[in-house]
Amino acid sequence: MTAPIIAAWLIWRKKMIRHHRERMPRAALDLALTRNALLAIIPFQQGEPLAHFFELYHRYPAKALNLILQARPVL
């Protein structure tokens, strides 16, 4: 029962992603660049799951803002 629902959702999601890429390519690019920049400043070690940090920063937005405000670019 759940497999057809998941399959239908995956098809819908794929169509929506394609739709947004075609209609708003600049927004998709901006979102990807923002995501990559945020991933670069999350202090995790090799092999450590990022899901823990996503949960932490989602639960505590002030920590996320502090992380962004105190980040220094690495050149």
PDB file of N, CA and C in Angstrom:
ATOM      1  N   MET A   1       0.829  -1.207   0.000  1.00  0.00           N
ATOM      2  CA  MET A   1       0.000   0.000   0.000  1.00  0.00           C
ATOM      3  C   MET A   1       0.860   1.252   0.000  1.00  0.00           C
ATOM      4  N   THR A   2       1.903   1.278   0.819  1.00  0.00           N
ATOM      5  CA  THR A   2       2.699   2.502   0.892  1.00  0.00           C
ATOM      6  C   THR A   2       3.636   2.647  -0.300  1.00  0.00           C
ATOM      7  N   ALA A   3       4.069   1.545  -0.924  1.00  0.00           N
ATOM      8  CA  ALA A   3       4.987   1.637  -2.066  1.00  0.00           C
ATOM      9  C   ALA A   3       4.389   2.451  -3.215  1.00  0.00           C
ATOM     10  N   PRO A   4       3.128   2.244  -3.603  1.00  0.00           N
ATOM     11  CA  PRO A   4       2.556   3.081  -4.671  1.00  0.00           C
ATOM     12  C   PRO A   4       2.468   4.561  -4.281  1.00  0.00           C
ATOM     13  N   ILE A   5       2.208   4.819  -3.012  1.00  0.00           N
ATOM     14  CA  ILE A   5       2.118   6.213  -2.555  1.00  0.00           C
ATOM     15  C   ILE A   5       3.485   6.867  -2.636  1.00  0.00           C
ATOM     16  N   ILE A   6       4.517   6.152  -2.191  1.00  0.00           N
ATOM     17  CA  ILE A   6       5.877   6.692  -2.250  1.00  0.00           C
ATOM     18  C   ILE A   6       6.292   6.904  -3.702  1.00  0.00           C
ATOM     19  N   ALA A   7       5.982   5.942  -4.568  1.00  0.00           N
ATOM     20  CA  ALA A   7       6.326   6.070  -5.986  1.00  0.00           C
ATOM     21  C   ALA A   7       5.632   7.278  -6.602  1.00  0.00           C
ATOM     22  N   ALA A   8       4.369   7.464  -6.300  1.00  0.00           N
ATOM     23  CA  ALA A   8       3.638   8.618  -6.831  1.00  0.00           C
ATOM     24  C   ALA A   8       4.227   9.920  -6.313  1.00  0.00           C
ATOM     25  N   TRP A   9       4.606   9.939  -5.038  1.00  0.00           N
ATOM     26  CA  TRP A   9       5.200  11.148  -4.468  1.00  0.00           C
ATOM     27  C   TRP A   9       6.542  11.450  -5.132  1.00  0.00           C
ATOM     28  N   LEU A  10       7.350  10.422  -5.368  1.00  0.00           N
ATOM     29  CA  LEU A  10       8.652  10.634  -6.011  1.00  0.00           C
ATOM     30  C   LEU A  10       8.491  11.175  -7.433  1.00  0.00           C
ATOM     31  N   ILE A  11       7.510  10.666  -8.150  1.00  0.00           N
ATOM     32  CA  ILE A  11       7.247  11.170  -9.506  1.00  0.00           C
ATOM     33  C   ILE A  11       6.805  12.627  -9.440  1.00  0.00           C
ATOM     34  N   TRP A  12       5.880  12.947  -8.531  1.00  0.00           N
ATOM     35  CA  TRP A  12       5.419  14.336  -8.377  1.00  0.00           C
ATOM     36  C   TRP A  12       6.585  15.251  -8.018  1.00  0.00           C
ATOM     37  N   ARG A  13       7.426  14.817  -7.074  1.00  0.00           N
ATOM     38  CA  ARG A  13       8.566  15.624  -6.638  1.00  0.00           C
ATOM     39  C   ARG A  13       9.521  15.887  -7.796  1.00  0.00           C
ATOM     40  N   LYS A  14       9.798  14.860  -8.583  1.00  0.00           N
ATOM     41  CA  LYS A  14      10.691  15.011  -9.742  1.00  0.00           C
ATOM     42  C   LYS A  14      10.118  16.020 -10.739  1.00  0.00           C
ATOM     43  N   LYS A  15       8.813  15.954 -10.976  1.00  0.00           N
ATOM     44  CA  LYS A  15       8.169  16.907 -11.887  1.00  0.00           C
ATOM     45  C   LYS A  15       8.248  18.332 -11.342  1.00  0.00           C
ATOM     46  N   MET A  16       8.041  18.491 -10.041  1.00  0.00           N
ATOM     47  CA  MET A  16       8.092  19.819  -9.443  1.00  0.00           C
ATOM     48  C   MET A  16       9.507  20.404  -9.488  1.00  0.00           C
ATOM     49  N   ILE A  17      10.502  19.585  -9.232  1.00  0.00           N
ATOM     50  CA  ILE A  17      11.882  20.059  -9.296  1.00  0.00           C
ATOM     51  C   ILE A  17      12.200  20.506 -10.717  1.00  0.00           C
ATOM     52  N   ARG A  18      11.826  19.708 -11.707  1.00  0.00           N
ATOM     53  CA  ARG A  18      12.061  20.060 -13.105  1.00  0.00           C
ATOM     54  C   ARG A  18      11.316  21.343 -13.459  1.00  0.00           C
ATOM     55  N   HIS A  19      10.083  21.453 -12.992  1.00  0.00           N
ATOM     56  CA  HIS A  19       9.262  22.635 -13.266  1.00  0.00           C
ATOM     57  C   HIS A  19       9.927  23.900 -12.716  1.00  0.00           C
ATOM     58  N   HIS A  20      10.402  23.835 -11.486  1.00  0.00           N
ATOM     59  CA  HIS A  20      11.016  25.008 -10.873  1.00  0.00           C
ATOM     60  C   HIS A  20      12.348  25.345 -11.513  1.00  0.00           C
ATOM     61  N   ARG A  21      13.104  24.344 -11.928  1.00  0.00           N
ATOM     62  CA  ARG A  21      14.375  24.613 -12.605  1.00  0.00           C
ATOM     63  C   ARG A  21      14.143  25.313 -13.930  1.00  0.00           C
ATOM     64  N   GLU A  22      13.091  24.921 -14.627  1.00  0.00           N
ATOM     65  CA  GLU A  22      12.804  25.526 -15.924  1.00  0.00           C
ATOM     66  C   GLU A  22      12.224  26.932 -15.770  1.00  0.00           C
ATOM     67  N   ARG A  23      11.388  27.136 -14.771  1.00  0.00           N
ATOM     68  CA  ARG A  23      10.715  28.420 -14.608  1.00  0.00           C
ATOM     69  C   ARG A  23      11.558  29.430 -13.862  1.00  0.00           C
ATOM     70  N   MET A  24      12.371  28.968 -12.909  1.00  0.00           N
ATOM     71  CA  MET A  24      13.160  29.889 -12.096  1.00  0.00           C
ATOM     72  C   MET A  24      14.604  29.391 -11.975  1.00  0.00           C
ATOM     73  N   PRO A  25      15.343  29.390 -13.082  1.00  0.00           N
ATOM     74  CA  PRO A  25      16.701  28.853 -13.009  1.00  0.00           C
ATOM     75  C   PRO A  25      17.602  29.662 -12.086  1.00  0.00           C
ATOM     76  N   ARG A  26      17.410  30.960 -12.021  1.00  0.00           N
ATOM     77  CA  ARG A  26      18.241  31.792 -11.154  1.00  0.00           C
ATOM     78  C   ARG A  26      17.978  31.486  -9.674  1.00  0.00           C
ATOM     79  N   ALA A  27      16.717  31.297  -9.317  1.00  0.00           N
ATOM     80  CA  ALA A  27      16.375  30.980  -7.926  1.00  0.00           C
ATOM     81  C   ALA A  27      16.954  29.629  -7.526  1.00  0.00           C
ATOM     82  N   ALA A  28      16.907  28.649  -8.434  1.00  0.00           N
ATOM     83  CA  ALA A  28      17.470  27.337  -8.133  1.00  0.00           C
ATOM     84  C   ALA A  28      18.983  27.439  -7.944  1.00  0.00           C
ATOM     85  N   LEU A  29      19.630  28.232  -8.764  1.00  0.00           N
ATOM     86  CA  LEU A  29      21.070  28.422  -8.641  1.00  0.00           C
ATOM     87  C   LEU A  29      21.408  29.122  -7.325  1.00  0.00           C
ATOM     88  N   ASP A  30      20.667  30.155  -6.984  1.00  0.00           N
ATOM     89  CA  ASP A  30      20.896  30.874  -5.729  1.00  0.00           C
ATOM     90  C   ASP A  30      20.709  29.954  -4.521  1.00  0.00           C
ATOM     91  N   LEU A  31      19.691  29.121  -4.573  1.00  0.00           N
ATOM     92  CA  LEU A  31      19.433  28.195  -3.481  1.00  0.00           C
ATOM     93  C   LEU A  31      20.576  27.179  -3.346  1.00  0.00           C
ATOM     94  N   ALA A  32      21.069  26.678  -4.467  1.00  0.00           N
ATOM     95  CA  ALA A  32      22.176  25.719  -4.429  1.00  0.00           C
ATOM     96  C   ALA A  32      23.442  26.368  -3.878  1.00  0.00           C
ATOM     97  N   LEU A  33      23.727  27.587  -4.275  1.00  0.00           N
ATOM     98  CA  LEU A  33      24.909  28.284  -3.763  1.00  0.00           C
ATOM     99  C   LEU A  33      24.792  28.555  -2.263  1.00  0.00           C
ATOM    100  N   THR A  34      23.597  28.944  -1.820  1.00  0.00           N
ATOM    101  CA  THR A  34      23.375  29.183  -0.392  1.00  0.00           C
ATOM    102  C   THR A  34      23.553  27.897   0.403  1.00  0.00           C
ATOM    103  N   ARG A  35      22.988  26.802  -0.114  1.00  0.00           N
ATOM    104  CA  ARG A  35      23.134  25.509   0.564  1.00  0.00           C
ATOM    105  C   ARG A  35      24.607  25.117   0.679  1.00  0.00           C
ATOM    106  N   ASN A  36      25.371  25.274  -0.398  1.00  0.00           N
ATOM    107  CA  ASN A  36      26.790  24.912  -0.366  1.00  0.00           C
ATOM    108  C   ASN A  36      27.568  25.786   0.608  1.00  0.00           C
ATOM    109  N   ALA A  37      27.236  27.069   0.664  1.00  0.00           N
ATOM    110  CA  ALA A  37      27.925  27.965   1.595  1.00  0.00           C
ATOM    111  C   ALA A  37      27.619  27.584   3.041  1.00  0.00           C
ATOM    112  N   LEU A  38      26.374  27.232   3.319  1.00  0.00           N
ATOM    113  CA  LEU A  38      26.012  26.831   4.681  1.00  0.00           C
ATOM    114  C   LEU A  38      26.659  25.494   5.053  1.00  0.00           C
ATOM    115  N   LEU A  39      26.723  24.574   4.113  1.00  0.00           N
ATOM    116  CA  LEU A  39      27.380  23.295   4.396  1.00  0.00           C
ATOM    117  C   LEU A  39      28.865  23.496   4.691  1.00  0.00           C
ATOM    118  N   ALA A  40      29.469  24.500   4.086  1.00  0.00           N
ATOM    119  CA  ALA A  40      30.899  24.749   4.285  1.00  0.00           C
ATOM    120  C   ALA A  40      31.209  25.246   5.696  1.00  0.00           C
ATOM    121  N   ILE A  41      30.251  25.861   6.377  1.00  0.00           N
ATOM    122  CA  ILE A  41      30.548  26.417   7.701  1.00  0.00           C
ATOM    123  C   ILE A  41      30.069  25.540   8.852  1.00  0.00           C
ATOM    124  N   ILE A  42      29.357  24.451   8.558  1.00  0.00           N
ATOM    125  CA  ILE A  42      28.922  23.548   9.624  1.00  0.00           C
ATOM    126  C   ILE A  42      30.144  22.777  10.119  1.00  0.00           C
ATOM    127  N   PRO A  43      30.435  22.860  11.421  1.00  0.00           N
ATOM    128  CA  PRO A  43      31.642  22.231  11.965  1.00  0.00           C
ATOM    129  C   PRO A  43      31.468  20.722  12.220  1.00  0.00           C
ATOM    130  N   PHE A  44      31.609  19.913  11.199  1.00  0.00           N
ATOM    131  CA  PHE A  44      31.491  18.470  11.376  1.00  0.00           C
ATOM    132  C   PHE A  44      32.787  17.787  10.955  1.00  0.00           C
ATOM    133  N   GLN A  45      33.000  16.604  11.495  1.00  0.00           N
ATOM    134  CA  GLN A  45      34.201  15.824  11.199  1.00  0.00           C
ATOM    135  C   GLN A  45      33.884  14.801  10.096  1.00  0.00           C
ATOM    136  N   GLN A  46      34.925  14.296   9.472  1.00  0.00           N
ATOM    137  CA  GLN A  46      34.765  13.285   8.424  1.00  0.00           C
ATOM    138  C   GLN A  46      33.996  12.084   8.968  1.00  0.00           C
ATOM    139  N   GLY A  47      32.963  11.677   8.253  1.00  0.00           N
ATOM    140  CA  GLY A  47      32.167  10.526   8.658  1.00  0.00           C
ATOM    141  C   GLY A  47      31.058  10.829   9.645  1.00  0.00           C
ATOM    142  N   GLU A  48      31.008  12.040  10.153  1.00  0.00           N
ATOM    143  CA  GLU A  48      29.958  12.423  11.105  1.00  0.00           C
ATOM    144  C   GLU A  48      28.690  12.775  10.325  1.00  0.00           C
ATOM    145  N   PRO A  49      27.529  12.271  10.740  1.00  0.00           N
ATOM    146  CA  PRO A  49      26.306  12.541   9.974  1.00  0.00           C
ATOM    147  C   PRO A  49      25.856  14.000  10.077  1.00  0.00           C
ATOM    148  N   LEU A  50      25.531  14.573   8.937  1.00  0.00           N
ATOM    149  CA  LEU A  50      25.045  15.958   8.916  1.00  0.00           C
ATOM    150  C   LEU A  50      23.634  16.084   9.476  1.00  0.00           C
ATOM    151  N   ALA A  51      22.890  14.991   9.488  1.00  0.00           N
ATOM    152  CA  ALA A  51      21.510  15.039   9.978  1.00  0.00           C
ATOM    153  C   ALA A  51      21.454  15.556  11.410  1.00  0.00           C
ATOM    154  N   HIS A  52      22.440  15.223  12.215  1.00  0.00           N
ATOM    155  CA  HIS A  52      22.492  15.702  13.600  1.00  0.00           C
ATOM    156  C   HIS A  52      22.547  17.236  13.622  1.00  0.00           C
ATOM    157  N   PHE A  53      23.370  17.812  12.773  1.00  0.00           N
ATOM    158  CA  PHE A  53      23.500  19.268  12.747  1.00  0.00           C
ATOM    159  C   PHE A  53      22.252  19.939  12.182  1.00  0.00           C
ATOM    160  N   PHE A  54      21.649  19.330  11.160  1.00  0.00           N
ATOM    161  CA  PHE A  54      20.417  19.882  10.604  1.00  0.00           C
ATOM    162  C   PHE A  54      19.336  19.935  11.685  1.00  0.00           C
ATOM    163  N   GLU A  55      19.236  18.855  12.448  1.00  0.00           N
ATOM    164  CA  GLU A  55      18.256  18.798  13.546  1.00  0.00           C
ATOM    165  C   GLU A  55      18.558  19.867  14.597  1.00  0.00           C
ATOM    166  N   LEU A  56      19.829  19.981  14.974  1.00  0.00           N
ATOM    167  CA  LEU A  56      20.245  20.946  15.992  1.00  0.00           C
ATOM    168  C   LEU A  56      19.912  22.378  15.572  1.00  0.00           C
ATOM    169  N   TYR A  57      20.301  22.737  14.357  1.00  0.00           N
ATOM    170  CA  TYR A  57      20.078  24.115  13.907  1.00  0.00           C
ATOM    171  C   TYR A  57      18.612  24.392  13.602  1.00  0.00           C
ATOM    172  N   HIS A  58      17.861  23.358  13.252  1.00  0.00           N
ATOM    173  CA  HIS A  58      16.423  23.535  13.055  1.00  0.00           C
ATOM    174  C   HIS A  58      15.731  23.763  14.395  1.00  0.00           C
ATOM    175  N   ARG A  59      16.180  23.027  15.400  1.00  0.00           N
ATOM    176  CA  ARG A  59      15.585  23.130  16.732  1.00  0.00           C
ATOM    177  C   ARG A  59      15.978  24.421  17.440  1.00  0.00           C
ATOM    178  N   TYR A  60      17.196  24.905  17.196  1.00  0.00           N
ATOM    179  CA  TYR A  60      17.713  26.105  17.865  1.00  0.00           C
ATOM    180  C   TYR A  60      18.155  27.134  16.823  1.00  0.00           C
ATOM    181  N   PRO A  61      17.225  27.932  16.294  1.00  0.00           N
ATOM    182  CA  PRO A  61      17.561  28.903  15.251  1.00  0.00           C
ATOM    183  C   PRO A  61      18.623  29.917  15.685  1.00  0.00           C
ATOM    184  N   ALA A  62      18.679  30.249  16.958  1.00  0.00           N
ATOM    185  CA  ALA A  62      19.687  31.204  17.425  1.00  0.00           C
ATOM    186  C   ALA A  62      21.094  30.647  17.217  1.00  0.00           C
ATOM    187  N   LYS A  63      21.271  29.344  17.422  1.00  0.00           N
ATOM    188  CA  LYS A  63      22.573  28.713  17.176  1.00  0.00           C
ATOM    189  C   LYS A  63      22.930  28.800  15.691  1.00  0.00           C
ATOM    190  N   ALA A  64      21.939  28.609  14.839  1.00  0.00           N
ATOM    191  CA  ALA A  64      22.177  28.686  13.400  1.00  0.00           C
ATOM    192  C   ALA A  64      22.599  30.105  13.000  1.00  0.00           C
ATOM    193  N   LEU A  65      21.920  31.100  13.549  1.00  0.00           N
ATOM    194  CA  LEU A  65      22.276  32.489  13.233  1.00  0.00           C
ATOM    195  C   LEU A  65      23.668  32.829  13.755  1.00  0.00           C
ATOM    196  N   ASN A  66      23.996  32.368  14.954  1.00  0.00           N
ATOM    197  CA  ASN A  66      25.335  32.603  15.494  1.00  0.00           C
ATOM    198  C   ASN A  66      26.401  31.942  14.637  1.00  0.00           C
ATOM    199  N   LEU A  67      26.118  30.739  14.156  1.00  0.00           N
ATOM    200  CA  LEU A  67      27.066  30.052  13.283  1.00  0.00           C
ATOM    201  C   LEU A  67      27.323  30.868  12.016  1.00  0.00           C
ATOM    202  N   ILE A  68      26.273  31.388  11.443  1.00  0.00           N
ATOM    203  CA  ILE A  68      26.407  32.183  10.211  1.00  0.00           C
ATOM    204  C   ILE A  68      27.131  33.498  10.495  1.00  0.00           C
ATOM    205  N   LEU A  69      26.752  34.175  11.571  1.00  0.00           N
ATOM    206  CA  LEU A  69      27.344  35.481  11.860  1.00  0.00           C
ATOM    207  C   LEU A  69      28.806  35.399  12.274  1.00  0.00           C
ATOM    208  N   GLN A  70      29.199  34.286  12.887  1.00  0.00           N
ATOM    209  CA  GLN A  70      30.583  34.167  13.361  1.00  0.00           C
ATOM    210  C   GLN A  70      31.493  33.432  12.383  1.00  0.00           C
ATOM    211  N   ALA A  71      30.959  32.987  11.265  1.00  0.00           N
ATOM    212  CA  ALA A  71      31.767  32.266  10.286  1.00  0.00           C
ATOM    213  C   ALA A  71      32.756  33.220   9.621  1.00  0.00           C
ATOM    214  N   ARG A  72      33.949  32.727   9.398  1.00  0.00           N
ATOM    215  CA  ARG A  72      34.983  33.482   8.708  1.00  0.00           C
ATOM    216  C   ARG A  72      35.354  32.741   7.441  1.00  0.00           C
ATOM    217  N   PRO A  73      35.444  33.452   6.337  1.00  0.00           N
ATOM    218  CA  PRO A  73      35.778  32.767   5.080  1.00  0.00           C
ATOM    219  C   PRO A  73      37.179  32.179   5.103  1.00  0.00           C
ATOM    220  N   VAL A  74      37.319  31.031   4.502  1.00  0.00           N
ATOM    221  CA  VAL A  74      38.631  30.393   4.362  1.00  0.00           C
ATOM    222  C   VAL A  74      39.089  30.632   2.936  1.00  0.00           C
ATOM    223  N   LEU A  75      40.197  31.288   2.812  1.00  0.00           N
ATOM    224  CA  LEU A  75      40.705  31.597   1.473  1.00  0.00           C
ATOM    225  C   LEU A  75      41.814  30.668   1.067  1.00  0.00           C
TER     226      LEU A  75
END
